[in-house]
N, C-alpha and C. Protein backbone atom coordinates (compact mmCIF):
# COMPACT_ATOMS: atom_id res chain seq x y z
N MET A 1 4.70 -17.07 -9.43
CA MET A 1 4.85 -15.61 -9.44
C MET A 1 5.61 -15.23 -10.70
N ALA A 2 5.07 -14.27 -11.39
CA ALA A 2 5.74 -13.75 -12.58
C ALA A 2 7.00 -13.01 -12.19
N GLY A 3 7.95 -12.96 -13.10
CA GLY A 3 9.16 -12.20 -12.83
C GLY A 3 8.84 -10.72 -12.66
N GLY A 4 9.63 -10.02 -11.88
CA GLY A 4 9.37 -8.63 -11.58
C GLY A 4 9.20 -7.74 -12.80
N LYS A 5 9.93 -8.01 -13.87
CA LYS A 5 9.86 -7.19 -15.08
C LYS A 5 8.49 -7.30 -15.76
N ASP A 6 7.77 -8.40 -15.50
CA ASP A 6 6.48 -8.65 -16.14
C ASP A 6 5.31 -8.05 -15.37
N ILE A 7 5.54 -7.52 -14.19
CA ILE A 7 4.44 -7.03 -13.36
C ILE A 7 4.06 -5.60 -13.75
N ASN A 8 2.78 -5.40 -14.03
CA ASN A 8 2.30 -4.06 -14.38
C ASN A 8 1.15 -3.62 -13.47
N ARG A 9 1.19 -4.09 -12.22
CA ARG A 9 0.18 -3.74 -11.23
C ARG A 9 0.86 -3.42 -9.91
N VAL A 10 0.16 -2.62 -9.10
CA VAL A 10 0.65 -2.33 -7.76
C VAL A 10 -0.52 -2.51 -6.79
N PHE A 11 -0.24 -3.15 -5.66
CA PHE A 11 -1.23 -3.31 -4.60
C PHE A 11 -1.02 -2.18 -3.61
N VAL A 12 -2.08 -1.40 -3.37
CA VAL A 12 -1.99 -0.27 -2.46
C VAL A 12 -2.95 -0.47 -1.30
N TYR A 13 -2.60 0.08 -0.15
CA TYR A 13 -3.37 -0.16 1.08
C TYR A 13 -3.51 1.09 1.93
N GLY A 14 -3.12 2.25 1.38
CA GLY A 14 -3.15 3.49 2.16
C GLY A 14 -3.50 4.69 1.30
N THR A 15 -2.65 5.70 1.32
CA THR A 15 -2.95 6.97 0.66
C THR A 15 -3.03 6.88 -0.85
N LEU A 16 -2.63 5.75 -1.44
CA LEU A 16 -2.75 5.56 -2.88
C LEU A 16 -4.08 4.91 -3.27
N MET A 17 -4.90 4.51 -2.29
CA MET A 17 -6.21 3.95 -2.61
C MET A 17 -7.13 5.04 -3.15
N GLU A 18 -8.10 4.62 -3.95
CA GLU A 18 -9.04 5.55 -4.55
C GLU A 18 -9.70 6.42 -3.48
N GLY A 19 -9.73 7.72 -3.74
CA GLY A 19 -10.35 8.66 -2.82
C GLY A 19 -9.39 9.33 -1.85
N PHE A 20 -8.18 8.82 -1.75
CA PHE A 20 -7.19 9.40 -0.84
C PHE A 20 -6.25 10.33 -1.62
N ARG A 21 -5.50 11.14 -0.88
CA ARG A 21 -4.72 12.22 -1.49
C ARG A 21 -3.71 11.76 -2.54
N ASN A 22 -3.01 10.69 -2.31
CA ASN A 22 -2.00 10.28 -3.28
C ASN A 22 -2.58 9.54 -4.48
N TYR A 23 -3.78 9.00 -4.33
CA TYR A 23 -4.47 8.45 -5.51
C TYR A 23 -4.74 9.61 -6.47
N LYS A 24 -5.28 10.69 -5.92
CA LYS A 24 -5.63 11.86 -6.74
C LYS A 24 -4.38 12.43 -7.42
N LYS A 25 -3.27 12.45 -6.70
CA LYS A 25 -2.04 13.05 -7.20
C LYS A 25 -1.29 12.17 -8.21
N PHE A 26 -1.28 10.85 -7.97
CA PHE A 26 -0.43 9.96 -8.77
C PHE A 26 -1.19 9.02 -9.71
N LEU A 27 -2.38 8.56 -9.33
CA LEU A 27 -3.02 7.48 -10.08
C LEU A 27 -4.27 7.88 -10.86
N LYS A 28 -5.01 8.85 -10.38
CA LYS A 28 -6.26 9.23 -11.04
C LYS A 28 -6.00 9.59 -12.50
N GLY A 29 -6.76 8.95 -13.40
CA GLY A 29 -6.61 9.20 -14.82
C GLY A 29 -5.46 8.45 -15.47
N ARG A 30 -4.68 7.71 -14.70
CA ARG A 30 -3.51 7.00 -15.25
C ARG A 30 -3.66 5.49 -15.19
N ILE A 31 -4.73 5.02 -14.56
CA ILE A 31 -4.95 3.58 -14.48
C ILE A 31 -6.32 3.26 -15.07
N ASN A 32 -6.50 2.01 -15.48
CA ASN A 32 -7.74 1.59 -16.13
C ASN A 32 -8.66 0.79 -15.22
N ARG A 33 -8.08 0.16 -14.21
CA ARG A 33 -8.89 -0.75 -13.41
C ARG A 33 -8.38 -0.80 -11.97
N ILE A 34 -9.33 -0.88 -11.04
CA ILE A 34 -9.05 -1.06 -9.62
C ILE A 34 -9.76 -2.33 -9.17
N ILE A 35 -8.99 -3.25 -8.59
CA ILE A 35 -9.54 -4.53 -8.15
C ILE A 35 -9.32 -4.65 -6.64
N PRO A 36 -10.38 -4.87 -5.85
CA PRO A 36 -10.18 -5.11 -4.42
C PRO A 36 -9.31 -6.36 -4.21
N GLY A 37 -8.40 -6.28 -3.24
CA GLY A 37 -7.51 -7.41 -2.99
C GLY A 37 -7.09 -7.49 -1.54
N LYS A 38 -6.41 -8.61 -1.23
CA LYS A 38 -5.90 -8.84 0.13
C LYS A 38 -4.53 -9.49 0.03
N THR A 39 -3.72 -9.19 1.05
CA THR A 39 -2.45 -9.86 1.22
C THR A 39 -2.30 -10.18 2.70
N HIS A 40 -1.17 -10.75 3.06
CA HIS A 40 -0.89 -11.03 4.47
C HIS A 40 0.17 -10.06 4.97
N GLY A 41 0.03 -9.66 6.22
CA GLY A 41 1.00 -8.77 6.84
C GLY A 41 0.45 -8.20 8.12
N LEU A 42 1.09 -7.15 8.58
CA LEU A 42 0.61 -6.36 9.71
C LEU A 42 0.57 -4.91 9.24
N LEU A 43 -0.54 -4.25 9.47
CA LEU A 43 -0.69 -2.88 9.01
C LEU A 43 -0.75 -1.94 10.20
N TYR A 44 0.11 -0.93 10.18
CA TYR A 44 0.17 0.07 11.25
C TYR A 44 -0.14 1.44 10.67
N HIS A 45 -0.83 2.26 11.44
CA HIS A 45 -1.02 3.67 11.10
C HIS A 45 0.08 4.44 11.82
N LEU A 46 0.90 5.16 11.06
CA LEU A 46 2.03 5.89 11.64
C LEU A 46 1.62 7.30 12.06
N PRO A 47 2.33 7.87 13.03
CA PRO A 47 2.02 9.24 13.45
C PRO A 47 2.23 10.26 12.32
N GLU A 48 2.97 9.89 11.29
CA GLU A 48 3.19 10.77 10.14
C GLU A 48 1.93 10.88 9.27
N GLY A 49 0.92 10.03 9.53
CA GLY A 49 -0.36 10.13 8.82
C GLY A 49 -0.56 9.15 7.68
N TYR A 50 0.28 8.16 7.57
CA TYR A 50 0.12 7.15 6.52
C TYR A 50 0.41 5.77 7.10
N PRO A 51 0.03 4.71 6.37
CA PRO A 51 0.20 3.36 6.90
C PRO A 51 1.56 2.74 6.56
N ALA A 52 1.89 1.72 7.35
CA ALA A 52 3.11 0.95 7.14
C ALA A 52 2.74 -0.52 7.12
N LEU A 53 3.10 -1.23 6.06
CA LEU A 53 2.87 -2.66 5.95
C LEU A 53 4.15 -3.39 6.34
N LEU A 54 4.00 -4.31 7.29
CA LEU A 54 5.10 -5.17 7.72
C LEU A 54 4.76 -6.61 7.38
N GLU A 55 5.78 -7.46 7.36
CA GLU A 55 5.53 -8.89 7.19
C GLU A 55 4.70 -9.39 8.36
N GLY A 56 3.79 -10.30 8.10
CA GLY A 56 2.96 -10.88 9.13
C GLY A 56 1.93 -11.80 8.53
N LYS A 57 1.05 -12.31 9.37
CA LYS A 57 0.09 -13.32 8.93
C LYS A 57 -1.36 -12.83 8.91
N GLU A 58 -1.60 -11.59 9.30
CA GLU A 58 -2.97 -11.05 9.31
C GLU A 58 -3.38 -10.62 7.90
N ALA A 59 -4.67 -10.58 7.66
CA ALA A 59 -5.18 -10.09 6.37
C ALA A 59 -5.03 -8.57 6.30
N VAL A 60 -4.59 -8.08 5.16
CA VAL A 60 -4.47 -6.65 4.90
C VAL A 60 -5.24 -6.38 3.61
N GLU A 61 -6.21 -5.48 3.69
CA GLU A 61 -7.06 -5.16 2.54
C GLU A 61 -6.53 -3.94 1.79
N GLY A 62 -6.74 -3.96 0.48
CA GLY A 62 -6.33 -2.84 -0.34
C GLY A 62 -6.89 -2.95 -1.73
N GLU A 63 -6.20 -2.30 -2.67
CA GLU A 63 -6.66 -2.25 -4.05
C GLU A 63 -5.51 -2.52 -5.00
N ILE A 64 -5.80 -3.30 -6.02
CA ILE A 64 -4.84 -3.56 -7.09
C ILE A 64 -5.08 -2.53 -8.18
N MET A 65 -4.05 -1.78 -8.51
CA MET A 65 -4.13 -0.75 -9.54
C MET A 65 -3.45 -1.26 -10.80
N GLU A 66 -4.14 -1.10 -11.96
CA GLU A 66 -3.53 -1.51 -13.23
C GLU A 66 -4.02 -0.64 -14.37
N PRO A 67 -3.20 -0.51 -15.41
CA PRO A 67 -1.81 -0.92 -15.47
C PRO A 67 -0.89 0.15 -14.88
N VAL A 68 0.25 -0.28 -14.45
CA VAL A 68 1.28 0.62 -13.93
C VAL A 68 2.49 0.46 -14.83
N ASP A 69 2.81 1.52 -15.57
CA ASP A 69 3.96 1.45 -16.47
C ASP A 69 5.24 1.85 -15.72
N GLU A 70 6.35 1.75 -16.39
CA GLU A 70 7.65 2.02 -15.77
C GLU A 70 7.76 3.45 -15.24
N LYS A 71 7.24 4.41 -16.00
CA LYS A 71 7.30 5.81 -15.58
C LYS A 71 6.49 6.03 -14.30
N LEU A 72 5.29 5.48 -14.24
CA LEU A 72 4.45 5.61 -13.05
C LEU A 72 5.07 4.88 -11.87
N LEU A 73 5.64 3.71 -12.12
CA LEU A 73 6.28 2.96 -11.04
C LEU A 73 7.45 3.75 -10.44
N LYS A 74 8.21 4.43 -11.26
CA LYS A 74 9.32 5.26 -10.75
C LYS A 74 8.79 6.41 -9.90
N ALA A 75 7.67 7.00 -10.31
CA ALA A 75 7.06 8.08 -9.51
C ALA A 75 6.59 7.53 -8.15
N LEU A 76 6.02 6.33 -8.16
CA LEU A 76 5.59 5.72 -6.90
C LEU A 76 6.79 5.37 -6.03
N ASP A 77 7.88 4.91 -6.65
CA ASP A 77 9.10 4.63 -5.89
C ASP A 77 9.59 5.89 -5.16
N ARG A 78 9.57 7.03 -5.84
CA ARG A 78 10.00 8.28 -5.21
C ARG A 78 9.07 8.63 -4.05
N LEU A 79 7.76 8.50 -4.27
CA LEU A 79 6.79 8.77 -3.21
C LEU A 79 7.07 7.91 -1.98
N GLU A 80 7.36 6.64 -2.20
CA GLU A 80 7.55 5.68 -1.11
C GLU A 80 8.97 5.67 -0.55
N GLY A 81 9.82 6.53 -1.05
CA GLY A 81 11.19 6.60 -0.54
C GLY A 81 11.99 5.35 -0.84
N TYR A 82 11.78 4.79 -2.04
CA TYR A 82 12.45 3.55 -2.43
C TYR A 82 13.35 3.76 -3.64
N SER A 83 14.56 3.24 -3.53
CA SER A 83 15.49 3.20 -4.66
C SER A 83 16.17 1.84 -4.62
N GLU A 84 16.03 1.09 -5.71
CA GLU A 84 16.58 -0.26 -5.76
C GLU A 84 18.08 -0.26 -5.46
N GLY A 85 18.50 -1.15 -4.57
CA GLY A 85 19.90 -1.29 -4.23
C GLY A 85 20.42 -0.32 -3.19
N ARG A 86 19.59 0.63 -2.77
CA ARG A 86 20.01 1.62 -1.77
C ARG A 86 19.66 1.13 -0.37
N SER A 87 20.53 1.36 0.58
CA SER A 87 20.17 1.07 1.97
C SER A 87 19.50 2.31 2.54
N GLY A 88 18.69 2.13 3.55
CA GLY A 88 18.01 3.26 4.17
C GLY A 88 16.73 3.67 3.48
N ASN A 89 16.13 2.78 2.68
CA ASN A 89 14.85 3.07 2.06
C ASN A 89 13.77 3.22 3.13
N LEU A 90 12.77 4.05 2.86
CA LEU A 90 11.61 4.15 3.73
C LEU A 90 10.73 2.91 3.55
N TYR A 91 10.50 2.55 2.31
CA TYR A 91 9.77 1.34 1.93
C TYR A 91 10.64 0.55 0.97
N VAL A 92 10.36 -0.73 0.84
CA VAL A 92 11.00 -1.55 -0.17
C VAL A 92 9.89 -2.15 -1.03
N ARG A 93 10.11 -2.17 -2.35
CA ARG A 93 9.11 -2.70 -3.28
C ARG A 93 9.42 -4.16 -3.58
N VAL A 94 8.43 -5.03 -3.36
CA VAL A 94 8.61 -6.46 -3.60
C VAL A 94 7.46 -6.99 -4.45
N ALA A 95 7.72 -8.07 -5.17
CA ALA A 95 6.69 -8.75 -5.95
C ALA A 95 5.98 -9.74 -5.04
N ARG A 96 4.65 -9.74 -5.11
CA ARG A 96 3.86 -10.65 -4.28
C ARG A 96 2.53 -10.94 -4.98
N ASN A 97 2.06 -12.17 -4.84
CA ASN A 97 0.74 -12.51 -5.35
C ASN A 97 -0.31 -11.98 -4.40
N ILE A 98 -1.29 -11.26 -4.95
CA ILE A 98 -2.39 -10.67 -4.18
C ILE A 98 -3.66 -11.44 -4.52
N MET A 99 -4.45 -11.74 -3.48
CA MET A 99 -5.69 -12.49 -3.65
C MET A 99 -6.85 -11.53 -3.91
N THR A 100 -7.62 -11.79 -4.96
CA THR A 100 -8.80 -10.99 -5.23
C THR A 100 -9.99 -11.58 -4.48
N VAL A 101 -11.11 -10.85 -4.47
CA VAL A 101 -12.31 -11.35 -3.81
C VAL A 101 -12.85 -12.59 -4.51
N LYS A 102 -12.47 -12.80 -5.76
CA LYS A 102 -12.89 -13.99 -6.52
C LYS A 102 -11.95 -15.17 -6.30
N GLY A 103 -10.91 -14.98 -5.48
CA GLY A 103 -9.98 -16.05 -5.19
C GLY A 103 -8.85 -16.19 -6.18
N GLU A 104 -8.73 -15.27 -7.11
CA GLU A 104 -7.66 -15.28 -8.09
C GLU A 104 -6.40 -14.66 -7.48
N GLU A 105 -5.23 -15.20 -7.79
CA GLU A 105 -3.97 -14.61 -7.35
C GLU A 105 -3.38 -13.81 -8.50
N ILE A 106 -3.07 -12.55 -8.23
CA ILE A 106 -2.54 -11.65 -9.24
C ILE A 106 -1.18 -11.12 -8.77
N PRO A 107 -0.13 -11.28 -9.59
CA PRO A 107 1.18 -10.74 -9.20
C PRO A 107 1.18 -9.21 -9.24
N CYS A 108 1.65 -8.61 -8.16
CA CYS A 108 1.67 -7.16 -8.02
C CYS A 108 2.96 -6.72 -7.33
N TRP A 109 3.27 -5.45 -7.50
CA TRP A 109 4.28 -4.81 -6.67
C TRP A 109 3.60 -4.37 -5.38
N VAL A 110 4.30 -4.51 -4.27
CA VAL A 110 3.79 -4.10 -2.96
C VAL A 110 4.93 -3.40 -2.22
N TYR A 111 4.60 -2.30 -1.54
CA TYR A 111 5.60 -1.57 -0.77
C TYR A 111 5.50 -1.96 0.71
N PHE A 112 6.60 -2.49 1.25
CA PHE A 112 6.69 -2.85 2.66
C PHE A 112 7.55 -1.82 3.39
N TYR A 113 7.11 -1.44 4.56
CA TYR A 113 7.81 -0.45 5.38
C TYR A 113 9.07 -1.08 5.96
N GLU A 114 10.16 -0.35 5.92
CA GLU A 114 11.46 -0.89 6.35
C GLU A 114 11.74 -0.76 7.84
N ASN A 115 11.18 0.22 8.52
CA ASN A 115 11.52 0.45 9.92
C ASN A 115 10.49 -0.19 10.84
N GLU A 116 10.60 -1.50 11.02
CA GLU A 116 9.64 -2.25 11.83
C GLU A 116 9.55 -1.72 13.25
N ARG A 117 10.68 -1.36 13.80
CA ARG A 117 10.69 -0.85 15.18
C ARG A 117 9.86 0.42 15.32
N HIS A 118 10.05 1.36 14.40
CA HIS A 118 9.28 2.61 14.43
C HIS A 118 7.79 2.32 14.31
N ALA A 119 7.41 1.45 13.37
CA ALA A 119 6.00 1.13 13.17
C ALA A 119 5.38 0.54 14.43
N LYS A 120 6.08 -0.39 15.05
CA LYS A 120 5.52 -1.08 16.21
C LYS A 120 5.53 -0.22 17.47
N GLU A 121 6.54 0.65 17.61
CA GLU A 121 6.64 1.48 18.82
C GLU A 121 5.80 2.76 18.72
N LYS A 122 5.73 3.36 17.54
CA LYS A 122 5.05 4.65 17.38
C LYS A 122 3.69 4.55 16.69
N GLY A 123 3.50 3.47 15.94
CA GLY A 123 2.27 3.33 15.16
C GLY A 123 1.15 2.67 15.95
N ILE A 124 -0.02 2.67 15.32
CA ILE A 124 -1.21 2.01 15.87
C ILE A 124 -1.54 0.84 14.95
N LEU A 125 -1.64 -0.36 15.51
CA LEU A 125 -2.02 -1.53 14.71
C LEU A 125 -3.43 -1.30 14.17
N VAL A 126 -3.61 -1.43 12.86
CA VAL A 126 -4.90 -1.20 12.22
C VAL A 126 -5.75 -2.47 12.34
N PRO A 127 -6.84 -2.39 13.08
CA PRO A 127 -7.69 -3.57 13.26
C PRO A 127 -8.24 -4.08 11.93
N GLY A 128 -8.12 -5.36 11.68
CA GLY A 128 -8.64 -5.95 10.46
C GLY A 128 -7.85 -5.64 9.21
N GLY A 129 -6.74 -4.88 9.35
CA GLY A 129 -5.89 -4.58 8.21
C GLY A 129 -6.56 -3.72 7.14
N ASN A 130 -7.55 -2.93 7.54
CA ASN A 130 -8.29 -2.10 6.58
C ASN A 130 -8.08 -0.64 6.95
N TRP A 131 -7.14 0.02 6.27
CA TRP A 131 -6.78 1.40 6.59
C TRP A 131 -7.91 2.37 6.25
N ARG A 132 -8.64 2.11 5.16
CA ARG A 132 -9.76 2.98 4.78
C ARG A 132 -10.78 3.02 5.92
N LYS A 133 -11.17 1.87 6.41
CA LYS A 133 -12.14 1.80 7.51
C LYS A 133 -11.58 2.46 8.77
N PHE A 134 -10.31 2.22 9.05
CA PHE A 134 -9.64 2.83 10.21
C PHE A 134 -9.71 4.35 10.13
N MET A 135 -9.40 4.91 8.97
CA MET A 135 -9.41 6.36 8.80
C MET A 135 -10.83 6.93 8.86
N GLU A 136 -11.78 6.23 8.29
CA GLU A 136 -13.18 6.68 8.35
C GLU A 136 -13.67 6.72 9.79
N GLU A 137 -13.32 5.70 10.58
CA GLU A 137 -13.72 5.67 11.99
C GLU A 137 -13.05 6.78 12.78
N ARG A 138 -11.80 7.07 12.48
CA ARG A 138 -11.10 8.17 13.16
C ARG A 138 -11.77 9.51 12.84
N ALA A 139 -12.15 9.70 11.58
CA ALA A 139 -12.81 10.94 11.17
C ALA A 139 -14.17 11.08 11.87
N GLU A 140 -14.90 9.97 11.98
CA GLU A 140 -16.20 9.99 12.65
C GLU A 140 -16.05 10.33 14.13
N ASN A 141 -14.92 9.96 14.71
CA ASN A 141 -14.68 10.20 16.13
C ASN A 141 -13.97 11.52 16.40
N GLY A 142 -13.89 12.37 15.37
CA GLY A 142 -13.35 13.71 15.55
C GLY A 142 -11.85 13.86 15.41
N PHE A 143 -11.16 12.82 14.96
CA PHE A 143 -9.72 12.95 14.73
C PHE A 143 -9.49 13.73 13.45
N TYR A 144 -8.40 14.46 13.39
CA TYR A 144 -8.04 15.26 12.24
C TYR A 144 -7.87 14.38 11.00
N ARG A 145 -8.46 14.78 9.89
CA ARG A 145 -8.33 14.04 8.63
C ARG A 145 -7.10 14.52 7.88
N ARG A 146 -6.09 13.68 7.81
CA ARG A 146 -4.85 14.04 7.08
C ARG A 146 -4.77 13.30 5.76
N TRP A 147 -5.84 12.74 5.29
CA TRP A 147 -5.79 11.98 4.04
C TRP A 147 -6.59 12.67 2.99
């Protein structure tokens, strides 16, 4: 794993994925490449309308966004409620190798949700770790689209 200072990519699995509201607001026009990827964890859909990634062993699908410069990373930190060294973060940003569909491991920043209890008690476990598919199925079944 490359040192954190060398990472210029972020792995996203929710509202920052292409086509969702925060992609349009934060990433559209600011990145050059999107690579499908997977990591391990547990993915929950929260009642607030966005996903929470927890540590776990299930596959979680998402997208690797590149490049992410320091200014963009700080904007994403604010969106995710993260400040380095602060207690009480909504998410924490960690470096992790993400697997591409070609089997390559790419070092990325990943945001993990800090309140495991809230996610497990109030959230819905996302089947297959694919939030895009989960949201599409909810929309097809008449649930309100908040993305």
